Protein backbone atom coordinates (compact mmCIF):
# COMPACT_ATOMS: atom_id res chain seq x y z
CA MET A 1 70.53 -19.87 12.91
CA ASP A 2 68.35 -22.15 10.82
CA LEU A 3 66.22 -19.79 8.71
CA ASN A 4 63.95 -22.62 7.58
CA LYS A 5 63.09 -23.61 11.14
CA TYR A 6 63.05 -20.20 12.85
CA GLY A 7 62.29 -17.80 10.05
CA PRO A 8 61.49 -15.94 7.98
CA TRP A 9 60.78 -13.22 10.56
CA ALA A 10 62.20 -12.69 14.00
CA LEU A 11 60.45 -10.49 16.54
CA VAL A 12 62.81 -8.91 19.06
CA ILE A 13 61.18 -7.31 22.03
CA GLY A 14 63.57 -4.90 23.68
CA GLY A 15 65.53 -4.81 20.42
CA SER A 16 67.10 -1.37 20.24
CA GLU A 17 70.40 -1.61 22.13
CA GLY A 18 72.54 -3.96 24.22
CA VAL A 19 71.73 -7.70 23.96
CA GLY A 20 68.64 -6.93 21.89
CA ALA A 21 70.61 -5.08 19.27
CA ALA A 22 73.24 -7.83 19.23
CA PHE A 23 70.45 -10.32 18.51
CA ALA A 24 69.16 -8.11 15.68
CA ARG A 25 72.54 -7.76 14.02
CA LYS A 26 73.28 -11.48 14.17
CA LEU A 27 69.91 -12.48 12.88
CA ALA A 28 70.06 -9.97 10.01
CA ALA A 29 73.42 -11.43 9.01
CA ASP A 30 71.77 -14.82 8.81
CA GLY A 31 69.12 -13.57 6.49
CA PHE A 32 66.20 -13.02 8.92
CA LYS A 33 63.69 -10.29 8.48
CA LEU A 34 63.18 -8.36 11.67
CA VAL A 35 60.55 -6.68 13.74
CA LEU A 36 62.19 -4.61 16.46
CA VAL A 37 60.15 -3.31 19.43
CA ALA A 38 61.44 -0.96 22.09
CA ARG A 39 60.40 2.10 24.03
CA LYS A 40 62.93 4.65 22.75
CA PRO A 41 62.37 5.59 19.13
CA GLY A 42 65.84 7.15 18.61
CA PRO A 43 68.01 4.05 19.17
CA LEU A 44 65.34 1.89 17.52
CA GLU A 45 65.40 3.92 14.25
CA ALA A 46 69.21 4.14 14.25
CA LEU A 47 69.57 0.39 14.49
CA ALA A 48 66.93 -0.18 11.83
CA GLU A 49 68.74 2.15 9.42
CA GLU A 50 72.02 0.39 10.14
CA LEU A 51 70.50 -2.96 9.33
CA ARG A 52 68.64 -1.70 6.24
CA ALA A 53 71.91 -0.45 4.90
CA GLU A 54 73.03 -4.10 4.97
CA ASP A 55 69.89 -5.03 2.95
CA ALA A 56 67.86 -6.42 5.88
CA GLU A 57 64.11 -5.99 5.91
CA VAL A 58 63.20 -4.33 9.18
CA ARG A 59 60.01 -3.12 10.76
CA VAL A 60 60.06 -1.10 13.97
CA LEU A 61 57.62 -0.13 16.65
CA SER A 62 58.14 2.26 19.57
CA ALA A 63 55.94 1.04 22.41
CA ASP A 64 55.75 1.05 26.17
CA LEU A 65 55.93 -2.63 27.10
CA ALA A 66 54.39 -1.96 30.47
CA GLN A 67 51.02 -0.97 28.94
CA PRO A 68 48.25 -3.53 28.66
CA GLU A 69 47.60 -2.82 24.97
CA VAL A 70 51.21 -3.44 23.83
CA LEU A 71 50.53 -6.92 22.34
CA ASP A 72 47.78 -5.44 20.19
CA GLN A 73 50.18 -2.73 19.03
CA VAL A 74 52.78 -5.31 18.04
CA ARG A 75 50.20 -7.51 16.35
CA ALA A 76 49.34 -4.56 14.16
CA VAL A 77 52.75 -4.80 12.54
CA THR A 78 53.07 -8.63 12.60
CA ASP A 79 49.70 -10.19 11.85
CA ASP A 80 50.49 -10.12 8.08
CA ILE A 81 53.83 -11.94 8.41
CA GLU A 82 55.13 -15.26 9.75
CA VAL A 83 57.07 -14.80 12.98
CA GLY A 84 59.15 -17.89 13.46
CA LEU A 85 61.37 -16.60 16.27
CA LEU A 86 60.32 -14.58 19.35
CA ILE A 87 63.05 -13.06 21.43
CA TYR A 88 61.73 -11.28 24.51
CA ASN A 89 64.69 -9.41 25.78
CA ALA A 90 62.99 -6.57 27.73
CA GLY A 91 62.94 -6.42 31.53
CA ALA A 92 65.75 -4.28 32.87
CA ASN A 93 65.37 -2.61 36.28
CA ASN A 94 66.56 0.87 37.01
CA THR A 95 65.00 1.48 40.47
CA ARG A 96 66.05 -0.16 43.70
CA GLY A 97 64.41 0.20 47.10
CA ARG A 98 62.27 -1.53 49.68
CA PHE A 99 59.18 -2.90 47.97
CA VAL A 100 56.81 -1.41 50.48
CA GLU A 101 58.30 2.06 49.98
CA LEU A 102 58.61 2.10 46.20
CA PRO A 103 55.73 3.70 44.17
CA ARG A 104 53.27 1.08 42.95
CA GLU A 105 53.79 2.15 39.34
CA VAL A 106 57.48 1.29 39.56
CA THR A 107 57.02 -2.28 40.80
CA GLN A 108 53.98 -2.86 38.61
CA SER A 109 55.97 -1.88 35.55
CA VAL A 110 58.56 -4.52 36.34
CA ILE A 111 55.90 -7.14 36.77
CA ALA A 112 53.98 -6.01 33.67
CA ILE A 113 57.01 -6.24 31.43
CA THR A 114 58.68 -9.39 32.70
CA VAL A 115 55.70 -11.51 33.90
CA VAL A 116 52.61 -10.37 31.98
CA GLY A 117 54.50 -9.42 28.84
CA GLN A 118 56.45 -12.66 28.52
CA ALA A 119 53.30 -14.71 29.13
CA ASP A 120 51.13 -12.74 26.68
CA PHE A 121 53.73 -12.68 23.85
CA ALA A 122 54.67 -16.35 24.37
CA ARG A 123 51.00 -17.35 24.28
CA HIS A 124 50.18 -15.48 21.03
CA TYR A 125 53.26 -16.22 18.98
CA GLY A 126 53.88 -19.60 20.54
CA ALA A 127 50.44 -20.72 19.56
CA LEU A 128 51.08 -19.79 15.91
CA MET A 129 54.48 -21.63 15.93
CA CYS A 130 52.94 -24.77 17.51
CA ARG A 131 50.28 -24.88 14.83
CA ARG A 132 53.04 -24.72 12.13
CA GLY A 133 55.16 -27.28 14.01
CA ARG A 134 58.28 -25.15 14.04
CA GLY A 135 59.77 -22.07 15.61
CA GLY A 136 61.64 -20.81 18.65
CA ILE A 137 61.16 -18.62 21.70
CA ILE A 138 63.97 -17.09 23.79
CA LEU A 139 62.87 -15.43 27.01
CA GLY A 140 65.38 -13.20 28.72
CA GLY A 141 66.18 -14.03 32.35
CA SER A 142 68.80 -13.23 34.98
CA LEU A 143 70.81 -15.05 37.60
CA SER A 144 68.76 -12.96 40.08
CA GLY A 145 65.85 -15.22 39.34
CA TYR A 146 67.28 -17.91 41.54
CA MET A 147 67.10 -16.01 44.79
CA GLY A 148 65.17 -13.09 46.22
CA SER A 149 67.32 -10.06 46.99
CA PRO A 150 66.49 -7.01 49.15
CA THR A 151 65.75 -3.74 47.28
CA LEU A 152 64.97 -5.88 44.17
CA ALA A 153 61.89 -7.81 45.30
CA ALA A 154 59.73 -7.26 42.23
CA TYR A 155 62.66 -7.75 39.89
CA THR A 156 63.96 -10.94 41.38
CA GLY A 157 60.46 -12.31 41.75
CA ALA A 158 59.62 -11.55 38.08
CA LYS A 159 62.81 -13.21 36.92
CA ALA A 160 62.01 -16.30 38.95
CA PHE A 161 58.63 -16.43 37.27
CA SER A 162 60.32 -16.16 33.87
CA ARG A 163 62.56 -19.16 34.55
CA ILE A 164 59.86 -21.49 35.93
CA PHE A 165 57.44 -20.37 33.18
CA SER A 166 60.04 -21.04 30.47
CA GLU A 167 60.68 -24.57 31.83
CA ALA A 168 57.01 -25.43 31.69
CA LEU A 169 56.56 -23.80 28.28
CA TRP A 170 59.50 -25.77 26.96
CA ALA A 171 58.01 -29.04 28.13
CA GLU A 172 54.71 -28.18 26.39
CA CYS A 173 56.18 -26.84 23.13
CA GLN A 174 59.15 -29.07 22.50
CA PRO A 175 57.08 -32.11 21.45
CA LEU A 176 55.28 -29.81 18.96
CA GLY A 177 58.49 -28.77 17.23
CA VAL A 178 58.97 -25.38 18.96
CA ASP A 179 62.13 -24.75 20.96
CA VAL A 180 61.93 -22.64 24.14
CA LEU A 181 65.00 -21.29 25.92
CA HIS A 182 65.27 -19.27 29.12
CA LEU A 183 68.43 -17.16 28.78
CA ASN A 184 70.07 -16.55 32.12
CA ILE A 185 72.52 -13.63 31.87
CA GLY A 186 74.75 -12.29 34.51
CA PHE A 187 76.75 -9.02 34.61
CA THR A 188 76.53 -7.79 31.02
CA ALA A 189 77.81 -4.53 29.48
CA THR A 190 74.62 -2.87 28.28
CA PRO A 191 73.85 0.84 27.79
CA ALA A 192 71.21 0.50 30.53
CA MET A 193 73.89 -0.54 32.98
CA ALA A 194 76.20 2.27 31.86
CA ARG A 195 73.39 4.88 32.33
CA LEU A 196 73.20 3.79 35.94
CA ASP A 197 76.92 4.66 36.34
CA ILE A 198 77.86 1.02 36.89
CA ASP A 199 81.42 0.00 36.14
CA ILE A 200 81.00 -2.36 33.17
CA SER A 201 84.69 -2.79 32.39
CA VAL A 202 84.58 -6.47 33.48
CA ALA A 203 81.09 -7.19 32.25
CA GLU A 204 80.20 -9.71 29.57
CA ALA A 205 79.85 -8.37 26.02
CA PRO A 206 76.26 -8.37 24.65
CA GLU A 207 77.39 -10.00 21.43
CA LYS A 208 78.66 -13.05 23.31
CA VAL A 209 75.37 -13.30 25.28
CA ALA A 210 73.27 -13.17 22.15
CA GLN A 211 75.49 -15.70 20.30
CA GLU A 212 75.28 -18.17 23.17
CA ALA A 213 71.48 -17.96 23.12
CA LEU A 214 71.26 -18.50 19.39
CA ASP A 215 73.74 -21.40 19.50
CA ASN A 216 71.79 -23.11 22.24
CA ILE A 217 68.16 -22.43 21.46
CA ALA A 218 67.59 -26.17 20.95
CA ASN A 219 69.30 -27.01 24.29
CA GLY A 220 66.59 -25.70 26.59
CA PRO A 221 64.89 -25.19 28.81
CA VAL A 222 67.58 -23.06 30.49
CA TRP A 223 70.93 -21.74 29.35
CA ILE A 224 73.25 -19.96 31.78
CA VAL A 225 75.66 -17.65 29.93
CA SER A 226 79.18 -18.88 30.34
CA THR A 227 80.65 -15.76 32.00
CA PRO A 228 83.15 -17.01 34.58
CA GLY A 229 81.45 -17.44 37.92
CA ASN A 230 77.82 -17.54 36.64
CA LEU A 231 77.28 -21.27 37.02
CA GLU A 232 79.05 -21.43 40.32
CA ARG A 233 76.90 -18.65 41.74
CA VAL A 234 73.74 -20.38 40.61
CA ARG A 235 74.76 -23.57 42.35
CA LYS A 236 75.51 -21.70 45.56
CA ILE A 237 72.22 -19.77 45.71
CA SER A 238 70.01 -22.70 44.60
CA VAL A 239 70.35 -24.80 47.71
CA VAL A 240 67.21 -25.60 49.72
CA ASP A 241 68.64 -25.64 53.25
CA GLY A 242 69.63 -22.50 55.14
CA ARG A 243 67.81 -20.06 52.86
CA ALA A 244 68.01 -17.23 55.39
CA GLU A 245 71.79 -17.44 55.49
CA ILE A 246 72.02 -17.80 51.70
CA ILE A 247 69.91 -14.73 51.08
CA ARG A 248 71.96 -12.66 53.48
CA ALA A 249 75.23 -13.86 52.11
CA PHE A 250 74.53 -13.63 48.33
CA ALA A 251 72.21 -10.62 48.09
CA ILE A 252 72.88 -8.57 44.99
CA PRO A 253 75.24 -5.78 46.06
CA PRO A 254 74.87 -2.03 45.52
CA ARG A 255 75.58 -0.81 42.05
CA ASP A 256 79.02 0.50 42.90
CA GLN A 257 80.06 -2.94 44.07
CA MET A 258 78.77 -5.05 41.13
CA ALA A 259 82.05 -4.95 39.16
CA ASP A 260 83.94 -6.04 42.31
CA LEU A 261 81.49 -9.00 42.68
CA GLN A 262 82.14 -10.04 39.07
CA ARG A 263 85.89 -9.88 39.54
CA SER A 264 85.63 -12.02 42.67
CA GLN A 265 83.44 -14.61 40.95
CA SER A 266 85.68 -14.81 37.95
CA GLU A 267 88.75 -15.31 40.12
CA GLN A 268 87.03 -18.04 42.13
CA ALA A 269 85.91 -19.81 38.98
CA ALA A 270 89.32 -19.76 37.38
CA PRO A 271 90.98 -23.22 37.14
């Protein structure tokens, strides 16, 4: 990563484990100073100590990203530094069910983190970058943002917002010297997935996902991680005609079938 264009500080939202931690380690190795924000203080502090032992300068903040005051909390630890890279990696979903039956606080949390959070953080830090004429923004997305899926209405809707929002933001910021990338990940081996008892033996490594994003930040507005089958799936579910049949055929499966889906997609994508 170009420290002169995207540094000296990188702000990683959702930066305590999984893909966020992989981003942090790679950026620290490239000489970036880091601000890591996540909800769980334990993994956050452990990662910070690991990076500090390698001589990285790290600030941490434990915060609930679903709360309306979270940007103010993060600004309290960033207003005195120059954030040249924003990585918004938060937005996992751990609750499935019919939208009309799920508690409002569950679905509103998904929307607050992925829709409101991405918009608010991109507005604040993106404005500063555009004034400086340099910087980069990576917004975490998912293949699920290309099609609504039953039991994941809020999640798939929020991810769709993220992708379309990123495309527009890219078009606005790119002429001003700021790169914007929507990172579309598929089945990835994260601690959050493991905690849901999902078989992650065939899932993509977080380190590969993070590296592809960093390597392609200037190739926006959208990057689909090169896990076998990802691009093919996007093409299949993005067609305009026959949406009812597409939604029924390609709905995200139950958790105990996700590894089987990845195996099938990889086999079909093999040359």
